[in-house]
Amino acid sequence: GGWRERSMVGYRAAGVRDDRPHGGYYTQDDLR
């Protein structure tokens, strides 16, 4: 759940995708 395959750039009508996986998360100690 922490990663998606790609991201939109701007609004859907632009039809632009960056095609880079994006994600990351914080460990509980990070948040502490």
All heavy atoms as atom14 arrays in JSON, in Angstrom:
{
  "sequence": "GGWRERSMVGYRAAGVRDDRPHGGYYTQDDLR",
  "atom14_mask": [
    [1, 1, 1, 1, 0, 0, 0, 0, 0, 0, 0, 0, 0, 0],
    [1, 1, 1, 1, 0, 0, 0, 0, 0, 0, 0, 0, 0, 0],
    [1, 1, 1, 1, 1, 1, 1, 1, 1, 1, 1, 1, 1, 1],
    [1, 1, 1, 1, 1, 1, 1, 1, 1, 1, 1, 0, 0, 0],
    [1, 1, 1, 1, 1, 1, 1, 1, 1, 0, 0, 0, 0, 0],
    [1, 1, 1, 1, 1, 1, 1, 1, 1, 1, 1, 0, 0, 0],
    [1, 1, 1, 1, 1, 1, 0, 0, 0, 0, 0, 0, 0, 0],
    [1, 1, 1, 1, 1, 1, 1, 1, 0, 0, 0, 0, 0, 0],
    [1, 1, 1, 1, 1, 1, 1, 0, 0, 0, 0, 0, 0, 0],
    [1, 1, 1, 1, 0, 0, 0, 0, 0, 0, 0, 0, 0, 0],
    [1, 1, 1, 1, 1, 1, 1, 1, 1, 1, 1, 1, 0, 0],
    [1, 1, 1, 1, 1, 1, 1, 1, 1, 1, 1, 0, 0, 0],
    [1, 1, 1, 1, 1, 0, 0, 0, 0, 0, 0, 0, 0, 0],
    [1, 1, 1, 1, 1, 0, 0, 0, 0, 0, 0, 0, 0, 0],
    [1, 1, 1, 1, 0, 0, 0, 0, 0, 0, 0, 0, 0, 0],
    [1, 1, 1, 1, 1, 1, 1, 0, 0, 0, 0, 0, 0, 0],
    [1, 1, 1, 1, 1, 1, 1, 1, 1, 1, 1, 0, 0, 0],
    [1, 1, 1, 1, 1, 1, 1, 1, 0, 0, 0, 0, 0, 0],
    [1, 1, 1, 1, 1, 1, 1, 1, 0, 0, 0, 0, 0, 0],
    [1, 1, 1, 1, 1, 1, 1, 1, 1, 1, 1, 0, 0, 0],
    [1, 1, 1, 1, 1, 1, 1, 0, 0, 0, 0, 0, 0, 0],
    [1, 1, 1, 1, 1, 1, 1, 1, 1, 1, 0, 0, 0, 0],
    [1, 1, 1, 1, 0, 0, 0, 0, 0, 0, 0, 0, 0, 0],
    [1, 1, 1, 1, 0, 0, 0, 0, 0, 0, 0, 0, 0, 0],
    [1, 1, 1, 1, 1, 1, 1, 1, 1, 1, 1, 1, 0, 0],
    [1, 1, 1, 1, 1, 1, 1, 1, 1, 1, 1, 1, 0, 0],
    [1, 1, 1, 1, 1, 1, 1, 0, 0, 0, 0, 0, 0, 0],
    [1, 1, 1, 1, 1, 1, 1, 1, 1, 0, 0, 0, 0, 0],
    [1, 1, 1, 1, 1, 1, 1, 1, 0, 0, 0, 0, 0, 0],
    [1, 1, 1, 1, 1, 1, 1, 1, 0, 0, 0, 0, 0, 0],
    [1, 1, 1, 1, 1, 1, 1, 1, 0, 0, 0, 0, 0, 0],
    [1, 1, 1, 1, 1, 1, 1, 1, 1, 1, 1, 0, 0, 0]
  ],
  "atom14_positions": [
    [[0.79, -1.23, 0.0], [0.0, 0.0, 0.0], [0.81, 1.27, 0.0], [0.26, 2.36, -0.2], [0.0, 0.0, 0.0], [0.0, 0.0, 0.0], [0.0, 0.0, 0.0], [0.0, 0.0, 0.0], [0.0, 0.0, 0.0], [0.0, 0.0, 0.0], [0.0, 0.0, 0.0], [0.0, 0.0, 0.0], [0.0, 0.0, 0.0], [0.0, 0.0, 0.0]],
    [[2.1, 1.16, 0.24], [2.94, 2.36, 0.32], [3.51, 2.82, -1.0], [4.21, 3.85, -1.04], [0.0, 0.0, 0.0], [0.0, 0.0, 0.0], [0.0, 0.0, 0.0], [0.0, 0.0, 0.0], [0.0, 0.0, 0.0], [0.0, 0.0, 0.0], [0.0, 0.0, 0.0], [0.0, 0.0, 0.0], [0.0, 0.0, 0.0], [0.0, 0.0, 0.0]],
    [[3.23, 2.09, -2.1], [3.84, 2.43, -3.39], [2.81, 2.37, -4.51], [1.96, 1.48, -4.55], [4.98, 1.45, -3.7], [6.15, 1.64, -2.8], [6.34, 1.11, -1.55], [7.27, 2.48, -3.06], [7.51, 1.55, -1.01], [8.12, 2.4, -1.91], [7.65, 3.28, -4.13], [9.31, 3.11, -1.82], [8.85, 3.97, -4.05], [9.66, 3.87, -2.9]],
    [[2.88, 3.32, -5.42], [2.08, 3.28, -6.63], [3.02, 3.25, -7.84], [4.16, 3.71, -7.77], [1.13, 4.47, -6.71], [1.78, 5.84, -6.74], [0.74, 6.95, -6.87], [1.35, 8.28, -6.9], [1.54, 9.05, -5.83], [1.15, 8.64, -4.64], [2.11, 10.24, -5.97], [0.0, 0.0, 0.0], [0.0, 0.0, 0.0], [0.0, 0.0, 0.0]],
    [[2.51, 2.73, -8.95], [3.35, 2.51, -10.12], [3.77, 3.81, -10.79], [4.86, 3.91, -11.35], [2.62, 1.63, -11.13], [2.44, 0.19, -10.66], [1.8, -0.68, -11.72], [1.36, -0.12, -12.76], [1.75, -1.9, -11.52], [0.0, 0.0, 0.0], [0.0, 0.0, 0.0], [0.0, 0.0, 0.0], [0.0, 0.0, 0.0], [0.0, 0.0, 0.0]],
    [[2.88, 4.81, -10.77], [3.16, 6.07, -11.45], [2.25, 7.14, -10.85], [1.42, 6.85, -10.0], [2.91, 5.95, -12.95], [1.49, 5.54, -13.32], [1.32, 5.41, -14.81], [-0.07, 5.15, -15.17], [-0.54, 5.18, -16.42], [0.3, 5.44, -17.41], [-1.79, 4.94, -16.68], [0.0, 0.0, 0.0], [0.0, 0.0, 0.0], [0.0, 0.0, 0.0]],
    [[2.42, 8.36, -11.32], [1.63, 9.47, -10.8], [1.16, 10.36, -11.93], [1.85, 10.52, -12.95], [2.45, 10.32, -9.82], [2.91, 9.55, -8.74], [0.0, 0.0, 0.0], [0.0, 0.0, 0.0], [0.0, 0.0, 0.0], [0.0, 0.0, 0.0], [0.0, 0.0, 0.0], [0.0, 0.0, 0.0], [0.0, 0.0, 0.0], [0.0, 0.0, 0.0]],
    [[-0.01, 10.97, -11.75], [-0.46, 12.01, -12.67], [0.39, 13.26, -12.49], [0.87, 13.54, -11.4], [-1.91, 12.38, -12.38], [-2.92, 11.32, -12.75], [-4.6, 11.83, -12.28], [-4.79, 13.31, -13.29], [0.0, 0.0, 0.0], [0.0, 0.0, 0.0], [0.0, 0.0, 0.0], [0.0, 0.0, 0.0], [0.0, 0.0, 0.0], [0.0, 0.0, 0.0]],
    [[0.57, 13.99, -13.56], [1.2, 15.31, -13.51], [0.15, 16.31, -13.97], [-0.24, 16.32, -15.14], [2.45, 15.39, -14.39], [3.06, 16.79, -14.32], [3.46, 14.34, -13.96], [0.0, 0.0, 0.0], [0.0, 0.0, 0.0], [0.0, 0.0, 0.0], [0.0, 0.0, 0.0], [0.0, 0.0, 0.0], [0.0, 0.0, 0.0], [0.0, 0.0, 0.0]],
    [[-0.33, 17.12, -13.07], [-1.42, 18.01, -13.4], [-2.75, 17.27, -13.38], [-2.88, 16.2, -12.8], [0.0, 0.0, 0.0], [0.0, 0.0, 0.0], [0.0, 0.0, 0.0], [0.0, 0.0, 0.0], [0.0, 0.0, 0.0], [0.0, 0.0, 0.0], [0.0, 0.0, 0.0], [0.0, 0.0, 0.0], [0.0, 0.0, 0.0], [0.0, 0.0, 0.0]],
    [[-3.74, 17.83, -14.08], [-5.08, 17.25, -14.08], [-5.22, 16.16, -15.14], [-4.44, 16.09, -16.08], [-6.13, 18.34, -14.27], [-6.52, 18.97, -12.97], [-5.96, 20.18, -12.57], [-7.41, 18.35, -12.1], [-6.31, 20.76, -11.37], [-7.75, 18.9, -10.9], [-7.2, 20.12, -10.53], [-7.53, 20.69, -9.34], [0.0, 0.0, 0.0], [0.0, 0.0, 0.0]],
    [[-6.25, 15.34, -14.95], [-6.47, 14.19, -15.83], [-6.54, 14.59, -17.31], [-6.06, 13.86, -18.18], [-7.75, 13.48, -15.39], [-8.0, 12.15, -16.09], [-9.19, 11.42, -15.48], [-8.85, 10.91, -14.15], [-9.22, 11.49, -13.0], [-9.94, 12.59, -13.01], [-8.89, 10.96, -11.84], [0.0, 0.0, 0.0], [0.0, 0.0, 0.0], [0.0, 0.0, 0.0]],
    [[-7.13, 15.75, -17.59], [-7.3, 16.19, -18.98], [-5.97, 16.37, -19.69], [-5.9, 16.32, -20.92], [-8.09, 17.49, -19.02], [0.0, 0.0, 0.0], [0.0, 0.0, 0.0], [0.0, 0.0, 0.0], [0.0, 0.0, 0.0], [0.0, 0.0, 0.0], [0.0, 0.0, 0.0], [0.0, 0.0, 0.0], [0.0, 0.0, 0.0], [0.0, 0.0, 0.0]],
    [[-4.9, 16.61, -18.95], [-3.59, 16.79, -19.58], [-3.05, 15.5, -20.15], [-2.24, 15.51, -21.08], [-2.6, 17.38, -18.56], [0.0, 0.0, 0.0], [0.0, 0.0, 0.0], [0.0, 0.0, 0.0], [0.0, 0.0, 0.0], [0.0, 0.0, 0.0], [0.0, 0.0, 0.0], [0.0, 0.0, 0.0], [0.0, 0.0, 0.0], [0.0, 0.0, 0.0]],
    [[-3.46, 14.37, -19.57], [-2.99, 13.09, -20.06], [-1.52, 12.84, -19.82], [-0.87, 12.06, -20.54], [0.0, 0.0, 0.0], [0.0, 0.0, 0.0], [0.0, 0.0, 0.0], [0.0, 0.0, 0.0], [0.0, 0.0, 0.0], [0.0, 0.0, 0.0], [0.0, 0.0, 0.0], [0.0, 0.0, 0.0], [0.0, 0.0, 0.0], [0.0, 0.0, 0.0]],
    [[-0.95, 13.46, -18.79], [0.49, 13.35, -18.53], [0.72, 12.45, -17.32], [0.09, 12.61, -16.28], [1.12, 14.74, -18.28], [2.61, 14.6, -17.96], [0.91, 15.64, -19.48], [0.0, 0.0, 0.0], [0.0, 0.0, 0.0], [0.0, 0.0, 0.0], [0.0, 0.0, 0.0], [0.0, 0.0, 0.0], [0.0, 0.0, 0.0], [0.0, 0.0, 0.0]],
    [[1.62, 11.48, -17.46], [2.02, 10.61, -16.36], [3.55, 10.61, -16.29], [4.22, 10.71, -17.32], [1.54, 9.17, -16.57], [0.03, 9.0, -16.68], [-0.64, 9.27, -15.35], [-2.06, 8.92, -15.35], [-3.03, 9.7, -15.79], [-2.72, 10.9, -16.29], [-4.29, 9.33, -15.73], [0.0, 0.0, 0.0], [0.0, 0.0, 0.0], [0.0, 0.0, 0.0]],
    [[4.09, 10.5, -15.09], [5.56, 10.52, -15.0], [6.16, 9.12, -15.1], [7.37, 8.98, -15.28], [6.01, 11.22, -13.71], [5.59, 10.47, -12.45], [5.1, 9.33, -12.53], [5.77, 11.05, -11.36], [0.0, 0.0, 0.0], [0.0, 0.0, 0.0], [0.0, 0.0, 0.0], [0.0, 0.0, 0.0], [0.0, 0.0, 0.0], [0.0, 0.0, 0.0]],
    [[5.32, 8.07, -14.93], [5.76, 6.68, -15.09], [6.94, 6.32, -14.18], [7.76, 5.46, -14.52], [6.12, 6.38, -16.55], [4.88, 6.35, -17.43], [3.82, 5.9, -16.95], [4.96, 6.77, -18.6], [0.0, 0.0, 0.0], [0.0, 0.0, 0.0], [0.0, 0.0, 0.0], [0.0, 0.0, 0.0], [0.0, 0.0, 0.0], [0.0, 0.0, 0.0]],
    [[6.99, 6.97, -13.01], [7.99, 6.6, -12.0], [7.25, 6.05, -10.78], [6.3, 6.66, -10.31], [8.8, 7.81, -11.56], [9.71, 8.41, -12.61], [10.45, 9.59, -12.02], [9.52, 10.61, -11.53], [9.85, 11.61, -10.72], [11.09, 11.72, -10.29], [8.95, 12.5, -10.34], [0.0, 0.0, 0.0], [0.0, 0.0, 0.0], [0.0, 0.0, 0.0]],
    [[7.68, 4.92, -10.25], [7.07, 4.46, -8.99], [7.28, 5.51, -7.89], [8.33, 6.19, -7.85], [7.84, 3.17, -8.67], [8.39, 2.72, -9.97], [8.69, 3.98, -10.75], [0.0, 0.0, 0.0], [0.0, 0.0, 0.0], [0.0, 0.0, 0.0], [0.0, 0.0, 0.0], [0.0, 0.0, 0.0], [0.0, 0.0, 0.0], [0.0, 0.0, 0.0]],
    [[6.29, 5.68, -7.05], [6.4, 6.65, -5.96], [5.89, 6.04, -4.68], [4.87, 5.36, -4.66], [5.59, 7.92, -6.26], [5.67, 8.93, -5.15], [6.7, 9.84, -5.05], [4.9, 9.12, -4.05], [6.54, 10.57, -3.96], [5.45, 10.15, -3.33], [0.0, 0.0, 0.0], [0.0, 0.0, 0.0], [0.0, 0.0, 0.0], [0.0, 0.0, 0.0]],
    [[6.61, 6.29, -3.59], [6.15, 5.78, -2.31], [7.1, 6.07, -1.18], [8.01, 6.89, -1.3], [0.0, 0.0, 0.0], [0.0, 0.0, 0.0], [0.0, 0.0, 0.0], [0.0, 0.0, 0.0], [0.0, 0.0, 0.0], [0.0, 0.0, 0.0], [0.0, 0.0, 0.0], [0.0, 0.0, 0.0], [0.0, 0.0, 0.0], [0.0, 0.0, 0.0]],
    [[6.87, 5.37, -0.09], [7.64, 5.55, 1.13], [6.7, 5.52, 2.32], [5.48, 5.61, 2.18], [0.0, 0.0, 0.0], [0.0, 0.0, 0.0], [0.0, 0.0, 0.0], [0.0, 0.0, 0.0], [0.0, 0.0, 0.0], [0.0, 0.0, 0.0], [0.0, 0.0, 0.0], [0.0, 0.0, 0.0], [0.0, 0.0, 0.0], [0.0, 0.0, 0.0]],
    [[7.28, 5.35, 3.5], [6.47, 5.37, 4.7], [7.35, 5.74, 5.89], [8.58, 5.76, 5.8], [5.78, 4.02, 4.93], [6.7, 2.89, 5.34], [6.89, 2.56, 6.69], [7.38, 2.12, 4.39], [7.73, 1.53, 7.07], [8.22, 1.09, 4.76], [8.4, 0.79, 6.1], [9.23, -0.24, 6.48], [0.0, 0.0, 0.0], [0.0, 0.0, 0.0]],
    [[6.67, 6.03, 7.01], [7.37, 6.35, 8.25], [7.27, 5.16, 9.19], [6.18, 4.62, 9.39], [6.75, 7.58, 8.92], [6.63, 8.77, 8.01], [5.4, 9.13, 7.48], [7.75, 9.53, 7.66], [5.27, 10.22, 6.64], [7.63, 10.62, 6.81], [6.39, 10.96, 6.3], [6.28, 12.04, 5.45], [0.0, 0.0, 0.0], [0.0, 0.0, 0.0]],
    [[8.4, 4.77, 9.77], [8.33, 3.78, 10.83], [7.69, 4.42, 12.06], [7.62, 5.65, 12.18], [9.71, 3.25, 11.19], [10.47, 4.31, 11.83], [10.47, 2.75, 9.97], [0.0, 0.0, 0.0], [0.0, 0.0, 0.0], [0.0, 0.0, 0.0], [0.0, 0.0, 0.0], [0.0, 0.0, 0.0], [0.0, 0.0, 0.0], [0.0, 0.0, 0.0]],
    [[7.25, 3.6, 12.97], [6.68, 4.15, 14.19], [7.71, 4.95, 14.97], [7.37, 5.99, 15.56], [6.08, 3.03, 15.04], [4.87, 2.4, 14.37], [4.14, 1.41, 15.26], [4.42, 1.28, 16.46], [3.19, 0.68, 14.68], [0.0, 0.0, 0.0], [0.0, 0.0, 0.0], [0.0, 0.0, 0.0], [0.0, 0.0, 0.0], [0.0, 0.0, 0.0]],
    [[8.97, 4.53, 14.93], [10.0, 5.32, 15.61], [10.26, 6.64, 14.9], [10.56, 7.66, 15.55], [11.3, 4.51, 15.73], [11.24, 3.49, 16.86], [10.31, 3.57, 17.7], [12.11, 2.61, 16.9], [0.0, 0.0, 0.0], [0.0, 0.0, 0.0], [0.0, 0.0, 0.0], [0.0, 0.0, 0.0], [0.0, 0.0, 0.0], [0.0, 0.0, 0.0]],
    [[10.15, 6.66, 13.58], [10.24, 7.93, 12.85], [9.21, 8.92, 13.39], [9.5, 10.1, 13.65], [9.98, 7.74, 11.36], [11.1, 7.05, 10.62], [12.24, 7.05, 11.13], [10.84, 6.5, 9.53], [0.0, 0.0, 0.0], [0.0, 0.0, 0.0], [0.0, 0.0, 0.0], [0.0, 0.0, 0.0], [0.0, 0.0, 0.0], [0.0, 0.0, 0.0]],
    [[7.99, 8.43, 13.54], [6.9, 9.31, 13.96], [7.0, 9.66, 15.43], [6.6, 10.76, 15.84], [5.56, 8.66, 13.62], [5.33, 8.55, 12.11], [4.12, 7.68, 11.82], [5.18, 9.92, 11.47], [0.0, 0.0, 0.0], [0.0, 0.0, 0.0], [0.0, 0.0, 0.0], [0.0, 0.0, 0.0], [0.0, 0.0, 0.0], [0.0, 0.0, 0.0]],
    [[7.53, 8.77, 16.25], [7.78, 9.13, 17.65], [8.81, 10.26, 17.73], [8.68, 11.18, 18.55], [8.26, 7.91, 18.44], [7.19, 6.87, 18.7], [7.66, 5.79, 19.66], [6.6, 4.85, 19.94], [6.43, 3.68, 19.31], [7.3, 3.32, 18.35], [5.42, 2.9, 19.61], [0.0, 0.0, 0.0], [0.0, 0.0, 0.0], [0.0, 0.0, 0.0]]
  ]
}
